[in-house]
Amino acid sequence: MQRPTSPDPIDDPQGYQQHLLGLLGDDDPAEVQLGAVARWRALLAEAGSGAARRPEPGEWSVVGCLGHALDAELVMSARYRWILAHDEPPLLGYDQDLWADRLHVDGEDPELLIAILDPLKVANAELWKMAGPEDRERVGRHAERGPETFDLSYRMIAGHDRFHQAQAASAIAAIRGA
């Protein structure tokens, strides 16, 4: 299985946005996000005792991918609320590798990660469902990608989930030698 790649979010911000939106396609972003936890559970079960094993040095394990997905959901949870509550708020970027290296450890309990991710997904889906068309068009100013609406941000994270779940599936294949 070929390892998934994406455009660099800093060097090619529009390419990165389009890549994530392409992974979502025409699917409902709330349905994709509400199904994410079940998909993570399935990937953890498939990986079994290898869930924390990195396929290569410097690459993320299944648990590492899940930890990053949780970090992204935490960041996006705040961004959604800033966008909806403030007028064109600044949205800070973050270095995903620093977060992964400094906030997560190999052997981290995936059930704890799931226990945090699940209610965040539910809360964000409820926020999305309650938002009207005008709310979804509210804009935040991302430090690296420029203006992003609530609609764009919510759709991108659904594609982001799919990307890192594919990365986790690739890690499983790699550790099995497939």
C-alpha atoms as a PDB file:
ATOM      1  CA  MET A   1       0.000   0.000   0.000  1.00  0.00           C
ATOM      2  CA  GLN A   2       1.388   3.392  -0.976  1.00  0.00           C
ATOM      3  CA  ARG A   3       1.657   5.837   1.884  1.00  0.00           C
ATOM      4  CA  PRO A   4      -0.756   8.782   1.577  1.00  0.00           C
ATOM      5  CA  THR A   5       0.726  12.225   0.948  1.00  0.00           C
ATOM      6  CA  SER A   6      -0.722  15.706   0.817  1.00  0.00           C
ATOM      7  CA  PRO A   7       0.426  19.146  -0.263  1.00  0.00           C
ATOM      8  CA  ASP A   8       2.306  21.013   2.451  1.00  0.00           C
ATOM      9  CA  PRO A   9      -0.150  23.205   4.376  1.00  0.00           C
ATOM     10  CA  ILE A  10       2.362  26.080   4.608  1.00  0.00           C
ATOM     11  CA  ASP A  11       4.085  25.892   1.218  1.00  0.00           C
ATOM     12  CA  ASP A  12       0.872  25.168  -0.722  1.00  0.00           C
ATOM     13  CA  PRO A  13      -2.067  26.257   1.458  1.00  0.00           C
ATOM     14  CA  GLN A  14      -4.665  26.257  -1.335  1.00  0.00           C
ATOM     15  CA  GLY A  15      -3.447  22.886  -2.590  1.00  0.00           C
ATOM     16  CA  TYR A  16      -3.740  21.546   0.947  1.00  0.00           C
ATOM     17  CA  GLN A  17      -7.296  22.891   1.280  1.00  0.00           C
ATOM     18  CA  GLN A  18      -8.317  21.399  -2.070  1.00  0.00           C
ATOM     19  CA  HIS A  19      -6.722  18.062  -1.199  1.00  0.00           C
ATOM     20  CA  LEU A  20      -8.703  17.767   2.026  1.00  0.00           C
ATOM     21  CA  LEU A  21     -11.933  18.900   0.356  1.00  0.00           C
ATOM     22  CA  GLY A  22     -11.316  16.306  -2.363  1.00  0.00           C
ATOM     23  CA  LEU A  23     -11.079  13.567   0.276  1.00  0.00           C
ATOM     24  CA  LEU A  24     -14.478  14.657   1.604  1.00  0.00           C
ATOM     25  CA  GLY A  25     -16.024  14.918  -1.859  1.00  0.00           C
ATOM     26  CA  ASP A  26     -19.793  15.379  -1.809  1.00  0.00           C
ATOM     27  CA  ASP A  27     -20.214  13.520   1.480  1.00  0.00           C
ATOM     28  CA  ASP A  28     -21.923  15.221   4.401  1.00  0.00           C
ATOM     29  CA  PRO A  29     -19.107  16.528   6.634  1.00  0.00           C
ATOM     30  CA  ALA A  30     -21.087  15.949   9.835  1.00  0.00           C
ATOM     31  CA  GLU A  31     -21.737  12.307   8.924  1.00  0.00           C
ATOM     32  CA  VAL A  32     -18.070  11.786   8.083  1.00  0.00           C
ATOM     33  CA  GLN A  33     -16.991  13.337  11.364  1.00  0.00           C
ATOM     34  CA  LEU A  34     -19.554  11.475  13.446  1.00  0.00           C
ATOM     35  CA  GLY A  35     -18.327   8.231  11.864  1.00  0.00           C
ATOM     36  CA  ALA A  36     -14.669   9.024  12.537  1.00  0.00           C
ATOM     37  CA  VAL A  37     -14.516   7.519  16.021  1.00  0.00           C
ATOM     38  CA  ALA A  38     -15.922   4.180  14.824  1.00  0.00           C
ATOM     39  CA  ARG A  39     -13.340   4.168  12.031  1.00  0.00           C
ATOM     40  CA  TRP A  40     -10.526   4.900  14.520  1.00  0.00           C
ATOM     41  CA  ARG A  41     -11.743   2.057  16.728  1.00  0.00           C
ATOM     42  CA  ALA A  42     -11.730  -0.291  13.724  1.00  0.00           C
ATOM     43  CA  LEU A  43      -8.197   0.764  12.789  1.00  0.00           C
ATOM     44  CA  LEU A  44      -6.994   0.223  16.372  1.00  0.00           C
ATOM     45  CA  ALA A  45      -8.603  -3.221  16.434  1.00  0.00           C
ATOM     46  CA  GLU A  46      -7.042  -4.104  13.091  1.00  0.00           C
ATOM     47  CA  ALA A  47      -3.606  -2.939  14.274  1.00  0.00           C
ATOM     48  CA  GLY A  48      -3.921  -4.881  17.521  1.00  0.00           C
ATOM     49  CA  SER A  49      -0.693  -4.990  19.481  1.00  0.00           C
ATOM     50  CA  GLY A  50       1.039  -3.079  16.675  1.00  0.00           C
ATOM     51  CA  ALA A  51      -1.091   0.055  17.087  1.00  0.00           C
ATOM     52  CA  ALA A  52       1.742   2.010  18.708  1.00  0.00           C
ATOM     53  CA  ARG A  53       4.440   0.705  16.354  1.00  0.00           C
ATOM     54  CA  ARG A  54       5.886   3.238  13.928  1.00  0.00           C
ATOM     55  CA  PRO A  55       6.206   1.883  10.384  1.00  0.00           C
ATOM     56  CA  GLU A  56       9.473   3.836   9.955  1.00  0.00           C
ATOM     57  CA  PRO A  57      11.447   6.162  12.241  1.00  0.00           C
ATOM     58  CA  GLY A  58       9.839   9.588  12.162  1.00  0.00           C
ATOM     59  CA  GLU A  59       6.498   8.261  10.855  1.00  0.00           C
ATOM     60  CA  TRP A  60       3.361   8.058  12.939  1.00  0.00           C
ATOM     61  CA  SER A  61       1.900   4.832  14.221  1.00  0.00           C
ATOM     62  CA  VAL A  62      -1.862   4.245  14.247  1.00  0.00           C
ATOM     63  CA  VAL A  63      -1.931   5.717  17.765  1.00  0.00           C
ATOM     64  CA  GLY A  64       0.223   8.623  16.553  1.00  0.00           C
ATOM     65  CA  CYS A  65      -2.222   9.341  13.740  1.00  0.00           C
ATOM     66  CA  LEU A  66      -5.083   9.209  16.230  1.00  0.00           C
ATOM     67  CA  GLY A  67      -3.238  11.578  18.590  1.00  0.00           C
ATOM     68  CA  HIS A  68      -2.746  14.026  15.734  1.00  0.00           C
ATOM     69  CA  ALA A  69      -6.423  13.751  14.766  1.00  0.00           C
ATOM     70  CA  LEU A  70      -7.322  14.608  18.358  1.00  0.00           C
ATOM     71  CA  ASP A  71      -4.955  17.599  18.356  1.00  0.00           C
ATOM     72  CA  ALA A  72      -6.504  18.851  15.118  1.00  0.00           C
ATOM     73  CA  GLU A  73     -10.012  18.435  16.525  1.00  0.00           C
ATOM     74  CA  LEU A  74      -9.077  20.389  19.660  1.00  0.00           C
ATOM     75  CA  VAL A  75      -7.606  23.224  17.602  1.00  0.00           C
ATOM     76  CA  MET A  76     -10.532  23.278  15.197  1.00  0.00           C
ATOM     77  CA  SER A  77     -13.043  23.248  18.064  1.00  0.00           C
ATOM     78  CA  ALA A  78     -11.618  26.549  19.246  1.00  0.00           C
ATOM     79  CA  ARG A  79     -11.329  27.978  15.724  1.00  0.00           C
ATOM     80  CA  TYR A  80     -14.988  27.231  14.961  1.00  0.00           C
ATOM     81  CA  ARG A  81     -16.064  29.085  18.055  1.00  0.00           C
ATOM     82  CA  TRP A  82     -13.784  32.059  17.403  1.00  0.00           C
ATOM     83  CA  ILE A  83     -15.129  32.310  13.866  1.00  0.00           C
ATOM     84  CA  LEU A  84     -18.735  32.164  15.018  1.00  0.00           C
ATOM     85  CA  ALA A  85     -18.369  34.511  18.007  1.00  0.00           C
ATOM     86  CA  HIS A  86     -15.894  37.121  16.704  1.00  0.00           C
ATOM     87  CA  ASP A  87     -15.619  39.213  13.573  1.00  0.00           C
ATOM     88  CA  GLU A  88     -12.795  37.873  11.385  1.00  0.00           C
ATOM     89  CA  PRO A  89     -10.639  36.620  14.276  1.00  0.00           C
ATOM     90  CA  PRO A  90      -7.004  35.676  13.735  1.00  0.00           C
ATOM     91  CA  LEU A  91      -6.514  31.901  13.661  1.00  0.00           C
ATOM     92  CA  LEU A  92      -3.073  30.753  14.753  1.00  0.00           C
ATOM     93  CA  GLY A  93      -1.363  27.932  12.948  1.00  0.00           C
ATOM     94  CA  TYR A  94       0.430  25.179  14.835  1.00  0.00           C
ATOM     95  CA  ASP A  95       3.320  22.850  14.142  1.00  0.00           C
ATOM     96  CA  GLN A  96       1.770  19.374  14.077  1.00  0.00           C
ATOM     97  CA  ASP A  97       5.135  17.687  14.503  1.00  0.00           C
ATOM     98  CA  LEU A  98       5.959  19.685  17.645  1.00  0.00           C
ATOM     99  CA  TRP A  99       2.556  18.828  19.080  1.00  0.00           C
ATOM    100  CA  ALA A 100       3.053  15.153  18.237  1.00  0.00           C
ATOM    101  CA  ASP A 101       6.585  15.092  19.679  1.00  0.00           C
ATOM    102  CA  ARG A 102       5.864  17.110  22.805  1.00  0.00           C
ATOM    103  CA  LEU A 103       2.299  16.145  23.679  1.00  0.00           C
ATOM    104  CA  HIS A 104       2.178  12.465  22.743  1.00  0.00           C
ATOM    105  CA  VAL A 105       4.365   9.517  23.618  1.00  0.00           C
ATOM    106  CA  ASP A 106       4.723   6.101  22.056  1.00  0.00           C
ATOM    107  CA  GLY A 107       2.566   3.739  24.067  1.00  0.00           C
ATOM    108  CA  GLU A 108      -0.061   6.400  24.777  1.00  0.00           C
ATOM    109  CA  ASP A 109      -3.443   4.915  25.703  1.00  0.00           C
ATOM    110  CA  PRO A 110      -5.599   5.038  22.562  1.00  0.00           C
ATOM    111  CA  GLU A 111      -8.778   4.602  24.617  1.00  0.00           C
ATOM    112  CA  LEU A 112      -8.013   7.857  26.412  1.00  0.00           C
ATOM    113  CA  LEU A 113      -7.536   9.586  23.060  1.00  0.00           C
ATOM    114  CA  ILE A 114     -10.871   8.179  21.838  1.00  0.00           C
ATOM    115  CA  ALA A 115     -12.573   9.209  25.097  1.00  0.00           C
ATOM    116  CA  ILE A 116     -11.539  12.827  24.420  1.00  0.00           C
ATOM    117  CA  LEU A 117     -12.115  12.800  20.655  1.00  0.00           C
ATOM    118  CA  ASP A 118     -15.621  11.331  20.695  1.00  0.00           C
ATOM    119  CA  PRO A 119     -17.429  14.111  22.620  1.00  0.00           C
ATOM    120  CA  LEU A 120     -15.517  16.784  20.698  1.00  0.00           C
ATOM    121  CA  LYS A 121     -16.779  15.327  17.420  1.00  0.00           C
ATOM    122  CA  VAL A 122     -20.341  15.257  18.766  1.00  0.00           C
ATOM    123  CA  ALA A 123     -20.147  18.844  20.099  1.00  0.00           C
ATOM    124  CA  ASN A 124     -18.698  20.139  16.836  1.00  0.00           C
ATOM    125  CA  ALA A 125     -21.309  18.315  14.749  1.00  0.00           C
ATOM    126  CA  GLU A 126     -24.049  19.882  16.887  1.00  0.00           C
ATOM    127  CA  LEU A 127     -22.471  23.311  16.399  1.00  0.00           C
ATOM    128  CA  TRP A 128     -22.390  22.673  12.639  1.00  0.00           C
ATOM    129  CA  LYS A 129     -26.026  21.548  12.556  1.00  0.00           C
ATOM    130  CA  MET A 130     -27.189  24.599  14.539  1.00  0.00           C
ATOM    131  CA  ALA A 131     -25.290  27.054  12.321  1.00  0.00           C
ATOM    132  CA  GLY A 132     -27.330  28.721   9.637  1.00  0.00           C
ATOM    133  CA  PRO A 133     -26.055  29.679   6.172  1.00  0.00           C
ATOM    134  CA  GLU A 134     -24.841  33.099   7.388  1.00  0.00           C
ATOM    135  CA  ASP A 135     -22.992  31.514  10.304  1.00  0.00           C
ATOM    136  CA  ARG A 136     -21.281  29.016   8.028  1.00  0.00           C
ATOM    137  CA  GLU A 137     -19.965  31.878   5.886  1.00  0.00           C
ATOM    138  CA  ARG A 138     -18.384  33.710   8.844  1.00  0.00           C
ATOM    139  CA  VAL A 139     -14.639  34.107   8.336  1.00  0.00           C
ATOM    140  CA  GLY A 140     -11.508  33.707  10.401  1.00  0.00           C
ATOM    141  CA  ARG A 141      -8.053  34.775   9.197  1.00  0.00           C
ATOM    142  CA  HIS A 142      -5.724  31.802   9.281  1.00  0.00           C
ATOM    143  CA  ALA A 143      -2.104  32.845   9.823  1.00  0.00           C
ATOM    144  CA  GLU A 144      -0.837  30.611   6.989  1.00  0.00           C
ATOM    145  CA  ARG A 145      -3.825  30.090   4.669  1.00  0.00           C
ATOM    146  CA  GLY A 146      -5.657  33.403   4.857  1.00  0.00           C
ATOM    147  CA  PRO A 147      -9.453  33.702   5.085  1.00  0.00           C
ATOM    148  CA  GLU A 148     -11.317  30.524   6.022  1.00  0.00           C
ATOM    149  CA  THR A 149     -15.033  30.252   6.650  1.00  0.00           C
ATOM    150  CA  PHE A 150     -16.621  28.027   9.246  1.00  0.00           C
ATOM    151  CA  ASP A 151     -17.983  25.979   6.325  1.00  0.00           C
ATOM    152  CA  LEU A 152     -14.546  25.513   4.770  1.00  0.00           C
ATOM    153  CA  SER A 153     -12.921  24.711   8.113  1.00  0.00           C
ATOM    154  CA  TYR A 154     -15.520  22.106   9.023  1.00  0.00           C
ATOM    155  CA  ARG A 155     -15.319  20.423   5.622  1.00  0.00           C
ATOM    156  CA  MET A 156     -11.524  20.414   5.690  1.00  0.00           C
ATOM    157  CA  ILE A 157     -11.340  18.599   9.035  1.00  0.00           C
ATOM    158  CA  ALA A 158     -13.620  15.872   7.663  1.00  0.00           C
ATOM    159  CA  GLY A 159     -11.137  15.365   4.818  1.00  0.00           C
ATOM    160  CA  HIS A 160      -8.303  15.586   7.343  1.00  0.00           C
ATOM    161  CA  ASP A 161      -9.852  12.683   9.260  1.00  0.00           C
ATOM    162  CA  ARG A 162      -9.954  10.597   6.103  1.00  0.00           C
ATOM    163  CA  PHE A 163      -6.362  11.452   5.222  1.00  0.00           C
ATOM    164  CA  HIS A 164      -4.978  10.386   8.603  1.00  0.00           C
ATOM    165  CA  GLN A 165      -7.152   7.289   8.735  1.00  0.00           C
ATOM    166  CA  ALA A 166      -5.638   6.303   5.379  1.00  0.00           C
ATOM    167  CA  GLN A 167      -2.208   7.054   6.855  1.00  0.00           C
ATOM    168  CA  ALA A 168      -3.051   4.793   9.811  1.00  0.00           C
ATOM    169  CA  ALA A 169      -4.167   2.007   7.434  1.00  0.00           C
ATOM    170  CA  SER A 170      -0.888   2.423   5.582  1.00  0.00           C
ATOM    171  CA  ALA A 171       1.019   2.116   8.873  1.00  0.00           C
ATOM    172  CA  ILE A 172      -0.816  -1.140   9.589  1.00  0.00           C
ATOM    173  CA  ALA A 173       0.112  -2.508   6.166  1.00  0.00           C
ATOM    174  CA  ALA A 174       3.737  -1.435   6.628  1.00  0.00           C
ATOM    175  CA  ILE A 175       4.162  -3.083  10.024  1.00  0.00           C
ATOM    176  CA  ARG A 176       2.648  -6.270   8.643  1.00  0.00           C
ATOM    177  CA  GLY A 177       5.093  -6.172   5.758  1.00  0.00           C
ATOM    178  CA  ALA A 178       2.387  -5.891   3.121  1.00  0.00           C
END
